[in-house]
mmCIF file of all heavy atoms, coordinates in Angstrom:
data_MODEL
# 
_entry.id   MODEL 
# 
loop_
_atom_site.group_PDB 
_atom_site.id 
_atom_site.type_symbol 
_atom_site.label_atom_id 
_atom_site.label_alt_id 
_atom_site.label_comp_id 
_atom_site.label_asym_id 
_atom_site.label_entity_id 
_atom_site.label_seq_id 
_atom_site.pdbx_PDB_ins_code 
_atom_site.Cartn_x 
_atom_site.Cartn_y 
_atom_site.Cartn_z 
_atom_site.occupancy 
_atom_site.B_iso_or_equiv 
_atom_site.pdbx_formal_charge 
_atom_site.auth_seq_id 
_atom_site.auth_comp_id 
_atom_site.auth_asym_id 
_atom_site.auth_atom_id 
_atom_site.pdbx_PDB_model_num 
ATOM 1   N N   . THR A 1 1  ? 116.227 130.224 147.248 1.00 0.00 ? 1  THR A N   1 
ATOM 2   C CA  . THR A 1 1  ? 117.280 129.251 147.561 1.00 0.00 ? 1  THR A CA  1 
ATOM 3   C C   . THR A 1 1  ? 116.759 128.096 148.408 1.00 0.00 ? 1  THR A C   1 
ATOM 4   O O   . THR A 1 1  ? 117.547 127.262 148.869 1.00 0.00 ? 1  THR A O   1 
ATOM 5   C CB  . THR A 1 1  ? 118.456 129.928 148.296 1.00 0.00 ? 1  THR A CB  1 
ATOM 6   O OG1 . THR A 1 1  ? 117.979 130.514 149.514 1.00 0.00 ? 1  THR A OG1 1 
ATOM 7   C CG2 . THR A 1 1  ? 119.090 130.989 147.425 1.00 0.00 ? 1  THR A CG2 1 
ATOM 8   N N   . THR A 1 2  ? 115.452 128.033 148.620 1.00 0.00 ? 2  THR A N   1 
ATOM 9   C CA  . THR A 1 2  ? 114.880 126.947 149.408 1.00 0.00 ? 2  THR A CA  1 
ATOM 10  C C   . THR A 1 2  ? 114.976 125.641 148.622 1.00 0.00 ? 2  THR A C   1 
ATOM 11  O O   . THR A 1 2  ? 114.404 125.514 147.543 1.00 0.00 ? 2  THR A O   1 
ATOM 12  C CB  . THR A 1 2  ? 113.409 127.242 149.754 1.00 0.00 ? 2  THR A CB  1 
ATOM 13  O OG1 . THR A 1 2  ? 113.354 128.399 150.592 1.00 0.00 ? 2  THR A OG1 1 
ATOM 14  C CG2 . THR A 1 2  ? 112.768 126.065 150.490 1.00 0.00 ? 2  THR A CG2 1 
ATOM 15  N N   . GLY A 1 3  ? 115.745 124.689 149.159 1.00 0.00 ? 3  GLY A N   1 
ATOM 16  C CA  . GLY A 1 3  ? 115.903 123.421 148.457 1.00 0.00 ? 3  GLY A CA  1 
ATOM 17  C C   . GLY A 1 3  ? 116.783 122.459 149.224 1.00 0.00 ? 3  GLY A C   1 
ATOM 18  O O   . GLY A 1 3  ? 117.386 122.807 150.248 1.00 0.00 ? 3  GLY A O   1 
ATOM 19  N N   . VAL A 1 4  ? 116.855 121.242 148.723 1.00 0.00 ? 4  VAL A N   1 
ATOM 20  C CA  . VAL A 1 4  ? 117.603 120.181 149.388 1.00 0.00 ? 4  VAL A CA  1 
ATOM 21  C C   . VAL A 1 4  ? 119.094 120.528 149.455 1.00 0.00 ? 4  VAL A C   1 
ATOM 22  O O   . VAL A 1 4  ? 119.750 120.307 150.484 1.00 0.00 ? 4  VAL A O   1 
ATOM 23  C CB  . VAL A 1 4  ? 117.405 118.839 148.647 1.00 0.00 ? 4  VAL A CB  1 
ATOM 24  C CG1 . VAL A 1 4  ? 118.186 117.730 149.345 1.00 0.00 ? 4  VAL A CG1 1 
ATOM 25  C CG2 . VAL A 1 4  ? 115.930 118.469 148.583 1.00 0.00 ? 4  VAL A CG2 1 
ATOM 26  N N   . ARG A 1 5  ? 119.608 121.064 148.377 1.00 0.00 ? 5  ARG A N   1 
ATOM 27  C CA  . ARG A 1 5  ? 121.042 121.391 148.351 1.00 0.00 ? 5  ARG A CA  1 
ATOM 28  C C   . ARG A 1 5  ? 121.383 122.463 149.391 1.00 0.00 ? 5  ARG A C   1 
ATOM 29  O O   . ARG A 1 5  ? 122.419 122.398 150.056 1.00 0.00 ? 5  ARG A O   1 
ATOM 30  C CB  . ARG A 1 5  ? 121.448 121.857 146.957 1.00 0.00 ? 5  ARG A CB  1 
ATOM 31  C CG  . ARG A 1 5  ? 122.952 121.801 146.714 1.00 0.00 ? 5  ARG A CG  1 
ATOM 32  C CD  . ARG A 1 5  ? 123.298 122.360 145.341 1.00 0.00 ? 5  ARG A CD  1 
ATOM 33  N NE  . ARG A 1 5  ? 122.656 121.650 144.264 1.00 0.00 ? 5  ARG A NE  1 
ATOM 34  C CZ  . ARG A 1 5  ? 123.137 120.538 143.712 1.00 0.00 ? 5  ARG A CZ  1 
ATOM 35  N NH1 . ARG A 1 5  ? 124.251 120.020 144.169 1.00 0.00 ? 5  ARG A NH1 1 
ATOM 36  N NH2 . ARG A 1 5  ? 122.493 119.953 142.721 1.00 0.00 ? 5  ARG A NH2 1 
ATOM 37  N N   . SER A 1 6  ? 120.508 123.453 149.550 1.00 0.00 ? 6  SER A N   1 
ATOM 38  C CA  . SER A 1 6  ? 120.746 124.504 150.546 1.00 0.00 ? 6  SER A CA  1 
ATOM 39  C C   . SER A 1 6  ? 120.732 123.933 151.960 1.00 0.00 ? 6  SER A C   1 
ATOM 40  O O   . SER A 1 6  ? 121.526 124.350 152.812 1.00 0.00 ? 6  SER A O   1 
ATOM 41  C CB  . SER A 1 6  ? 119.689 125.610 150.417 1.00 0.00 ? 6  SER A CB  1 
ATOM 42  O OG  . SER A 1 6  ? 119.796 126.259 149.169 1.00 0.00 ? 6  SER A OG  1 
ATOM 43  N N   . LEU A 1 7  ? 119.841 122.992 152.213 1.00 0.00 ? 7  LEU A N   1 
ATOM 44  C CA  . LEU A 1 7  ? 119.821 122.354 153.534 1.00 0.00 ? 7  LEU A CA  1 
ATOM 45  C C   . LEU A 1 7  ? 121.098 121.558 153.778 1.00 0.00 ? 7  LEU A C   1 
ATOM 46  O O   . LEU A 1 7  ? 121.623 121.535 154.894 1.00 0.00 ? 7  LEU A O   1 
ATOM 47  C CB  . LEU A 1 7  ? 118.597 121.437 153.676 1.00 0.00 ? 7  LEU A CB  1 
ATOM 48  C CG  . LEU A 1 7  ? 117.253 122.114 153.895 1.00 0.00 ? 7  LEU A CG  1 
ATOM 49  C CD1 . LEU A 1 7  ? 116.175 121.050 154.107 1.00 0.00 ? 7  LEU A CD1 1 
ATOM 50  C CD2 . LEU A 1 7  ? 117.284 123.066 155.084 1.00 0.00 ? 7  LEU A CD2 1 
ATOM 51  N N   . SER A 1 8  ? 121.612 120.911 152.737 1.00 0.00 ? 8  SER A N   1 
ATOM 52  C CA  . SER A 1 8  ? 122.870 120.175 152.867 1.00 0.00 ? 8  SER A CA  1 
ATOM 53  C C   . SER A 1 8  ? 124.019 121.128 153.206 1.00 0.00 ? 8  SER A C   1 
ATOM 54  O O   . SER A 1 8  ? 124.877 120.807 154.044 1.00 0.00 ? 8  SER A O   1 
ATOM 55  C CB  . SER A 1 8  ? 123.170 119.423 151.573 1.00 0.00 ? 8  SER A CB  1 
ATOM 56  O OG  . SER A 1 8  ? 124.440 118.813 151.627 1.00 0.00 ? 8  SER A OG  1 
ATOM 57  N N   . LYS A 1 9  ? 124.027 122.291 152.590 1.00 0.00 ? 9  LYS A N   1 
ATOM 58  C CA  . LYS A 1 9  ? 125.059 123.288 152.890 1.00 0.00 ? 9  LYS A CA  1 
ATOM 59  C C   . LYS A 1 9  ? 124.921 123.792 154.324 1.00 0.00 ? 9  LYS A C   1 
ATOM 60  O O   . LYS A 1 9  ? 125.928 124.035 155.014 1.00 0.00 ? 9  LYS A O   1 
ATOM 61  C CB  . LYS A 1 9  ? 124.969 124.458 151.907 1.00 0.00 ? 9  LYS A CB  1 
ATOM 62  C CG  . LYS A 1 9  ? 125.387 124.090 150.487 1.00 0.00 ? 9  LYS A CG  1 
ATOM 63  C CD  . LYS A 1 9  ? 125.208 125.263 149.526 1.00 0.00 ? 9  LYS A CD  1 
ATOM 64  C CE  . LYS A 1 9  ? 125.634 124.876 148.121 1.00 0.00 ? 9  LYS A CE  1 
ATOM 65  N NZ  . LYS A 1 9  ? 125.407 125.990 147.150 1.00 0.00 ? 9  LYS A NZ  1 
ATOM 66  N N   . PHE A 1 10 ? 123.690 123.932 154.784 1.00 0.00 ? 10 PHE A N   1 
ATOM 67  C CA  . PHE A 1 10 ? 123.455 124.325 156.180 1.00 0.00 ? 10 PHE A CA  1 
ATOM 68  C C   . PHE A 1 10 ? 124.023 123.267 157.130 1.00 0.00 ? 10 PHE A C   1 
ATOM 69  O O   . PHE A 1 10 ? 124.682 123.604 158.129 1.00 0.00 ? 10 PHE A O   1 
ATOM 70  C CB  . PHE A 1 10 ? 121.951 124.506 156.423 1.00 0.00 ? 10 PHE A CB  1 
ATOM 71  C CG  . PHE A 1 10 ? 121.582 124.671 157.873 1.00 0.00 ? 10 PHE A CG  1 
ATOM 72  C CD1 . PHE A 1 10 ? 121.621 125.923 158.470 1.00 0.00 ? 10 PHE A CD1 1 
ATOM 73  C CD2 . PHE A 1 10 ? 121.210 123.574 158.637 1.00 0.00 ? 10 PHE A CD2 1 
ATOM 74  C CE1 . PHE A 1 10 ? 121.290 126.074 159.810 1.00 0.00 ? 10 PHE A CE1 1 
ATOM 75  C CE2 . PHE A 1 10 ? 120.881 123.717 159.984 1.00 0.00 ? 10 PHE A CE2 1 
ATOM 76  C CZ  . PHE A 1 10 ? 120.918 124.971 160.566 1.00 0.00 ? 10 PHE A CZ  1 
ATOM 77  N N   . VAL A 1 11 ? 123.766 121.999 156.832 1.00 0.00 ? 11 VAL A N   1 
ATOM 78  C CA  . VAL A 1 11 ? 124.289 120.910 157.670 1.00 0.00 ? 11 VAL A CA  1 
ATOM 79  C C   . VAL A 1 11 ? 125.818 120.938 157.681 1.00 0.00 ? 11 VAL A C   1 
ATOM 80  O O   . VAL A 1 11 ? 126.457 120.738 158.720 1.00 0.00 ? 11 VAL A O   1 
ATOM 81  C CB  . VAL A 1 11 ? 123.757 119.545 157.177 1.00 0.00 ? 11 VAL A CB  1 
ATOM 82  C CG1 . VAL A 1 11 ? 124.483 118.386 157.869 1.00 0.00 ? 11 VAL A CG1 1 
ATOM 83  C CG2 . VAL A 1 11 ? 122.250 119.447 157.421 1.00 0.00 ? 11 VAL A CG2 1 
ATOM 84  N N   . HIS A 1 12 ? 126.416 121.232 156.525 1.00 0.00 ? 12 HIS A N   1 
ATOM 85  C CA  . HIS A 1 12 ? 127.875 121.312 156.460 1.00 0.00 ? 12 HIS A CA  1 
ATOM 86  C C   . HIS A 1 12 ? 128.405 122.437 157.359 1.00 0.00 ? 12 HIS A C   1 
ATOM 87  O O   . HIS A 1 12 ? 129.397 122.248 158.091 1.00 0.00 ? 12 HIS A O   1 
ATOM 88  C CB  . HIS A 1 12 ? 128.317 121.540 155.015 1.00 0.00 ? 12 HIS A CB  1 
ATOM 89  C CG  . HIS A 1 12 ? 129.799 121.542 154.830 1.00 0.00 ? 12 HIS A CG  1 
ATOM 90  N ND1 . HIS A 1 12 ? 130.609 120.507 155.252 1.00 0.00 ? 12 HIS A ND1 1 
ATOM 91  C CD2 . HIS A 1 12 ? 130.640 122.462 154.284 1.00 0.00 ? 12 HIS A CD2 1 
ATOM 92  C CE1 . HIS A 1 12 ? 131.869 120.783 154.969 1.00 0.00 ? 12 HIS A CE1 1 
ATOM 93  N NE2 . HIS A 1 12 ? 131.910 121.966 154.392 1.00 0.00 ? 12 HIS A NE2 1 
ATOM 94  N N   . LYS A 1 13 ? 127.760 123.590 157.323 1.00 0.00 ? 13 LYS A N   1 
ATOM 95  C CA  . LYS A 1 13 ? 128.168 124.696 158.191 1.00 0.00 ? 13 LYS A CA  1 
ATOM 96  C C   . LYS A 1 13 ? 128.031 124.317 159.665 1.00 0.00 ? 13 LYS A C   1 
ATOM 97  O O   . LYS A 1 13 ? 128.903 124.660 160.486 1.00 0.00 ? 13 LYS A O   1 
ATOM 98  C CB  . LYS A 1 13 ? 127.322 125.946 157.887 1.00 0.00 ? 13 LYS A CB  1 
ATOM 99  C CG  . LYS A 1 13 ? 127.608 126.590 156.549 1.00 0.00 ? 13 LYS A CG  1 
ATOM 100 C CD  . LYS A 1 13 ? 126.675 127.770 156.305 1.00 0.00 ? 13 LYS A CD  1 
ATOM 101 C CE  . LYS A 1 13 ? 126.891 128.372 154.920 1.00 0.00 ? 13 LYS A CE  1 
ATOM 102 N NZ  . LYS A 1 13 ? 125.903 129.441 154.626 1.00 0.00 ? 13 LYS A NZ  1 
ATOM 103 N N   . PHE A 1 14 ? 126.957 123.620 159.992 1.00 0.00 ? 14 PHE A N   1 
ATOM 104 C CA  . PHE A 1 14 ? 126.743 123.192 161.375 1.00 0.00 ? 14 PHE A CA  1 
ATOM 105 C C   . PHE A 1 14 ? 127.831 122.214 161.816 1.00 0.00 ? 14 PHE A C   1 
ATOM 106 O O   . PHE A 1 14 ? 128.396 122.346 162.910 1.00 0.00 ? 14 PHE A O   1 
ATOM 107 C CB  . PHE A 1 14 ? 125.353 122.552 161.509 1.00 0.00 ? 14 PHE A CB  1 
ATOM 108 C CG  . PHE A 1 14 ? 125.057 122.039 162.889 1.00 0.00 ? 14 PHE A CG  1 
ATOM 109 C CD1 . PHE A 1 14 ? 124.754 122.924 163.917 1.00 0.00 ? 14 PHE A CD1 1 
ATOM 110 C CD2 . PHE A 1 14 ? 125.072 120.676 163.165 1.00 0.00 ? 14 PHE A CD2 1 
ATOM 111 C CE1 . PHE A 1 14 ? 124.473 122.461 165.199 1.00 0.00 ? 14 PHE A CE1 1 
ATOM 112 C CE2 . PHE A 1 14 ? 124.801 120.206 164.436 1.00 0.00 ? 14 PHE A CE2 1 
ATOM 113 C CZ  . PHE A 1 14 ? 124.499 121.101 165.455 1.00 0.00 ? 14 PHE A CZ  1 
ATOM 114 N N   . ILE A 1 15 ? 128.143 121.247 160.974 1.00 0.00 ? 15 ILE A N   1 
ATOM 115 C CA  . ILE A 1 15 ? 129.165 120.246 161.301 1.00 0.00 ? 15 ILE A CA  1 
ATOM 116 C C   . ILE A 1 15 ? 130.531 120.915 161.476 1.00 0.00 ? 15 ILE A C   1 
ATOM 117 O O   . ILE A 1 15 ? 131.288 120.582 162.406 1.00 0.00 ? 15 ILE A O   1 
ATOM 118 C CB  . ILE A 1 15 ? 129.202 119.155 160.218 1.00 0.00 ? 15 ILE A CB  1 
ATOM 119 C CG1 . ILE A 1 15 ? 127.971 118.240 160.372 1.00 0.00 ? 15 ILE A CG1 1 
ATOM 120 C CG2 . ILE A 1 15 ? 130.488 118.339 160.278 1.00 0.00 ? 15 ILE A CG2 1 
ATOM 121 C CD1 . ILE A 1 15 ? 127.796 117.227 159.261 1.00 0.00 ? 15 ILE A CD1 1 
ATOM 122 N N   . LYS A 1 16 ? 130.836 121.876 160.611 1.00 0.00 ? 16 LYS A N   1 
ATOM 123 C CA  . LYS A 1 16 ? 132.110 122.598 160.738 1.00 0.00 ? 16 LYS A CA  1 
ATOM 124 C C   . LYS A 1 16 ? 132.136 123.424 162.021 1.00 0.00 ? 16 LYS A C   1 
ATOM 125 O O   . LYS A 1 16 ? 133.150 123.448 162.735 1.00 0.00 ? 16 LYS A O   1 
ATOM 126 C CB  . LYS A 1 16 ? 132.320 123.512 159.524 1.00 0.00 ? 16 LYS A CB  1 
ATOM 127 C CG  . LYS A 1 16 ? 132.725 122.783 158.255 1.00 0.00 ? 16 LYS A CG  1 
ATOM 128 C CD  . LYS A 1 16 ? 132.872 123.735 157.082 1.00 0.00 ? 16 LYS A CD  1 
ATOM 129 C CE  . LYS A 1 16 ? 134.046 124.674 157.269 1.00 0.00 ? 16 LYS A CE  1 
ATOM 130 N NZ  . LYS A 1 16 ? 134.204 125.575 156.080 1.00 0.00 ? 16 LYS A NZ  1 
ATOM 131 N N   . PHE A 1 17 ? 131.031 124.087 162.332 1.00 0.00 ? 17 PHE A N   1 
ATOM 132 C CA  . PHE A 1 17 ? 130.961 124.906 163.541 1.00 0.00 ? 17 PHE A CA  1 
ATOM 133 C C   . PHE A 1 17 ? 131.150 124.060 164.796 1.00 0.00 ? 17 PHE A C   1 
ATOM 134 O O   . PHE A 1 17 ? 131.873 124.444 165.724 1.00 0.00 ? 17 PHE A O   1 
ATOM 135 C CB  . PHE A 1 17 ? 129.624 125.647 163.600 1.00 0.00 ? 17 PHE A CB  1 
ATOM 136 C CG  . PHE A 1 17 ? 129.374 126.341 164.907 1.00 0.00 ? 17 PHE A CG  1 
ATOM 137 C CD1 . PHE A 1 17 ? 130.159 127.413 165.306 1.00 0.00 ? 17 PHE A CD1 1 
ATOM 138 C CD2 . PHE A 1 17 ? 128.356 125.903 165.749 1.00 0.00 ? 17 PHE A CD2 1 
ATOM 139 C CE1 . PHE A 1 17 ? 129.938 128.052 166.523 1.00 0.00 ? 17 PHE A CE1 1 
ATOM 140 C CE2 . PHE A 1 17 ? 128.131 126.535 166.968 1.00 0.00 ? 17 PHE A CE2 1 
ATOM 141 C CZ  . PHE A 1 17 ? 128.921 127.614 167.360 1.00 0.00 ? 17 PHE A CZ  1 
ATOM 142 N N   . LYS A 1 18 ? 130.518 122.887 164.825 1.00 0.00 ? 18 LYS A N   1 
ATOM 143 C CA  . LYS A 1 18 ? 130.612 122.009 166.000 1.00 0.00 ? 18 LYS A CA  1 
ATOM 144 C C   . LYS A 1 18 ? 131.854 121.110 165.952 1.00 0.00 ? 18 LYS A C   1 
ATOM 145 O O   . LYS A 1 18 ? 132.099 120.346 166.875 1.00 0.00 ? 18 LYS A O   1 
ATOM 146 C CB  . LYS A 1 18 ? 129.355 121.143 166.112 1.00 0.00 ? 18 LYS A CB  1 
ATOM 147 C CG  . LYS A 1 18 ? 128.064 121.910 166.347 1.00 0.00 ? 18 LYS A CG  1 
ATOM 148 C CD  . LYS A 1 18 ? 128.106 122.743 167.620 1.00 0.00 ? 18 LYS A CD  1 
ATOM 149 C CE  . LYS A 1 18 ? 128.143 121.887 168.863 1.00 0.00 ? 18 LYS A CE  1 
ATOM 150 N NZ  . LYS A 1 18 ? 128.188 122.724 170.085 1.00 0.00 ? 18 LYS A NZ  1 
ATOM 151 N N   . GLN A 1 19 ? 132.618 121.190 164.859 1.00 0.00 ? 19 GLN A N   1 
ATOM 152 C CA  . GLN A 1 19 ? 133.853 120.418 164.693 1.00 0.00 ? 19 GLN A CA  1 
ATOM 153 C C   . GLN A 1 19 ? 133.586 118.905 164.890 1.00 0.00 ? 19 GLN A C   1 
ATOM 154 O O   . GLN A 1 19 ? 134.280 118.215 165.626 1.00 0.00 ? 19 GLN A O   1 
ATOM 155 C CB  . GLN A 1 19 ? 134.931 120.905 165.659 1.00 0.00 ? 19 GLN A CB  1 
ATOM 156 C CG  . GLN A 1 19 ? 135.315 122.364 165.433 1.00 0.00 ? 19 GLN A CG  1 
ATOM 157 C CD  . GLN A 1 19 ? 136.395 122.854 166.373 1.00 0.00 ? 19 GLN A CD  1 
ATOM 158 O OE1 . GLN A 1 19 ? 136.455 122.473 167.536 1.00 0.00 ? 19 GLN A OE1 1 
ATOM 159 N NE2 . GLN A 1 19 ? 137.275 123.707 165.866 1.00 0.00 ? 19 GLN A NE2 1 
ATOM 160 N N   . LEU A 1 20 ? 132.586 118.421 164.176 1.00 0.00 ? 20 LEU A N   1 
ATOM 161 C CA  . LEU A 1 20 ? 132.187 117.021 164.280 1.00 0.00 ? 20 LEU A CA  1 
ATOM 162 C C   . LEU A 1 20 ? 132.898 116.190 163.228 1.00 0.00 ? 20 LEU A C   1 
ATOM 163 O O   . LEU A 1 20 ? 133.173 116.662 162.124 1.00 0.00 ? 20 LEU A O   1 
ATOM 164 C CB  . LEU A 1 20 ? 130.671 116.888 164.098 1.00 0.00 ? 20 LEU A CB  1 
ATOM 165 C CG  . LEU A 1 20 ? 129.789 117.749 165.007 1.00 0.00 ? 20 LEU A CG  1 
ATOM 166 C CD1 . LEU A 1 20 ? 128.325 117.569 164.644 1.00 0.00 ? 20 LEU A CD1 1 
ATOM 167 C CD2 . LEU A 1 20 ? 130.030 117.426 166.477 1.00 0.00 ? 20 LEU A CD2 1 
ATOM 168 N N   . SER A 1 21 ? 133.179 114.940 163.557 1.00 0.00 ? 21 SER A N   1 
ATOM 169 C CA  . SER A 1 21 ? 133.775 114.007 162.595 1.00 0.00 ? 21 SER A CA  1 
ATOM 170 C C   . SER A 1 21 ? 133.343 112.597 162.958 1.00 0.00 ? 21 SER A C   1 
ATOM 171 O O   . SER A 1 21 ? 132.762 112.359 164.032 1.00 0.00 ? 21 SER A O   1 
ATOM 172 C CB  . SER A 1 21 ? 135.310 114.118 162.615 1.00 0.00 ? 21 SER A CB  1 
ATOM 173 O OG  . SER A 1 21 ? 135.813 113.799 163.903 1.00 0.00 ? 21 SER A OG  1 
ATOM 174 N N   . ASN A 1 22 ? 133.634 111.654 162.059 1.00 0.00 ? 22 ASN A N   1 
ATOM 175 C CA  . ASN A 1 22 ? 133.297 110.242 162.299 1.00 0.00 ? 22 ASN A CA  1 
ATOM 176 C C   . ASN A 1 22 ? 131.822 110.082 162.684 1.00 0.00 ? 22 ASN A C   1 
ATOM 177 O O   . ASN A 1 22 ? 131.466 109.402 163.632 1.00 0.00 ? 22 ASN A O   1 
ATOM 178 C CB  . ASN A 1 22 ? 134.201 109.674 163.404 1.00 0.00 ? 22 ASN A CB  1 
ATOM 179 C CG  . ASN A 1 22 ? 134.262 108.155 163.371 1.00 0.00 ? 22 ASN A CG  1 
ATOM 180 O OD1 . ASN A 1 22 ? 134.246 107.551 162.303 1.00 0.00 ? 22 ASN A OD1 1 
ATOM 181 N ND2 . ASN A 1 22 ? 134.315 107.538 164.534 1.00 0.00 ? 22 ASN A ND2 1 
ATOM 182 N N   . ILE A 1 23 ? 130.976 110.721 161.895 1.00 0.00 ? 23 ILE A N   1 
ATOM 183 C CA  . ILE A 1 23 ? 129.549 110.848 162.209 1.00 0.00 ? 23 ILE A CA  1 
ATOM 184 C C   . ILE A 1 23 ? 128.751 109.696 161.604 1.00 0.00 ? 23 ILE A C   1 
ATOM 185 O O   . ILE A 1 23 ? 128.979 109.299 160.464 1.00 0.00 ? 23 ILE A O   1 
ATOM 186 C CB  . ILE A 1 23 ? 129.002 112.173 161.626 1.00 0.00 ? 23 ILE A CB  1 
ATOM 187 C CG1 . ILE A 1 23 ? 129.758 113.371 162.191 1.00 0.00 ? 23 ILE A CG1 1 
ATOM 188 C CG2 . ILE A 1 23 ? 127.512 112.310 161.837 1.00 0.00 ? 23 ILE A CG2 1 
ATOM 189 C CD1 . ILE A 1 23 ? 129.581 114.638 161.354 1.00 0.00 ? 23 ILE A CD1 1 
ATOM 190 N N   . THR A 1 24 ? 127.789 109.190 162.366 1.00 0.00 ? 24 THR A N   1 
ATOM 191 C CA  . THR A 1 24 ? 126.731 108.363 161.785 1.00 0.00 ? 24 THR A CA  1 
ATOM 192 C C   . THR A 1 24 ? 125.507 109.257 161.645 1.00 0.00 ? 24 THR A C   1 
ATOM 193 O O   . THR A 1 24 ? 124.989 109.778 162.631 1.00 0.00 ? 24 THR A O   1 
ATOM 194 C CB  . THR A 1 24 ? 126.408 107.150 162.666 1.00 0.00 ? 24 THR A CB  1 
ATOM 195 O OG1 . THR A 1 24 ? 127.564 106.308 162.754 1.00 0.00 ? 24 THR A OG1 1 
ATOM 196 C CG2 . THR A 1 24 ? 125.253 106.340 162.073 1.00 0.00 ? 24 THR A CG2 1 
ATOM 197 N N   . VAL A 1 25 ? 125.081 109.474 160.408 1.00 0.00 ? 25 VAL A N   1 
ATOM 198 C CA  . VAL A 1 25 ? 123.967 110.377 160.153 1.00 0.00 ? 25 VAL A CA  1 
ATOM 199 C C   . VAL A 1 25 ? 122.696 109.565 159.920 1.00 0.00 ? 25 VAL A C   1 
ATOM 200 O O   . VAL A 1 25 ? 122.707 108.557 159.207 1.00 0.00 ? 25 VAL A O   1 
ATOM 201 C CB  . VAL A 1 25 ? 124.270 111.312 158.958 1.00 0.00 ? 25 VAL A CB  1 
ATOM 202 C CG1 . VAL A 1 25 ? 124.527 110.545 157.667 1.00 0.00 ? 25 VAL A CG1 1 
ATOM 203 C CG2 . VAL A 1 25 ? 123.134 112.322 158.757 1.00 0.00 ? 25 VAL A CG2 1 
ATOM 204 N N   . LEU A 1 26 ? 121.600 109.979 160.573 1.00 0.00 ? 26 LEU A N   1 
ATOM 205 C CA  . LEU A 1 26 ? 120.294 109.336 160.428 1.00 0.00 ? 26 LEU A CA  1 
ATOM 206 C C   . LEU A 1 26 ? 119.323 110.348 159.855 1.00 0.00 ? 26 LEU A C   1 
ATOM 207 O O   . LEU A 1 26 ? 119.237 111.479 160.351 1.00 0.00 ? 26 LEU A O   1 
ATOM 208 C CB  . LEU A 1 26 ? 119.751 108.859 161.776 1.00 0.00 ? 26 LEU A CB  1 
ATOM 209 C CG  . LEU A 1 26 ? 120.412 107.678 162.488 1.00 0.00 ? 26 LEU A CG  1 
ATOM 210 C CD1 . LEU A 1 26 ? 121.732 108.090 163.127 1.00 0.00 ? 26 LEU A CD1 1 
ATOM 211 C CD2 . LEU A 1 26 ? 119.471 107.127 163.560 1.00 0.00 ? 26 LEU A CD2 1 
ATOM 212 N N   . GLY A 1 27 ? 118.592 109.969 158.820 1.00 0.00 ? 27 GLY A N   1 
ATOM 213 C CA  . GLY A 1 27 ? 117.631 110.881 158.226 1.00 0.00 ? 27 GLY A CA  1 
ATOM 214 C C   . GLY A 1 27 ? 116.300 110.229 157.967 1.00 0.00 ? 27 GLY A C   1 
ATOM 215 O O   . GLY A 1 27 ? 116.238 109.117 157.451 1.00 0.00 ? 27 GLY A O   1 
# 
């Protein structure tokens, strides 16, 4: 499952856990 999509899902879980919104994302 190592891949870009899995990392995106991880970021989504992190954002939900931290209850973040109105984010400026830098990559």
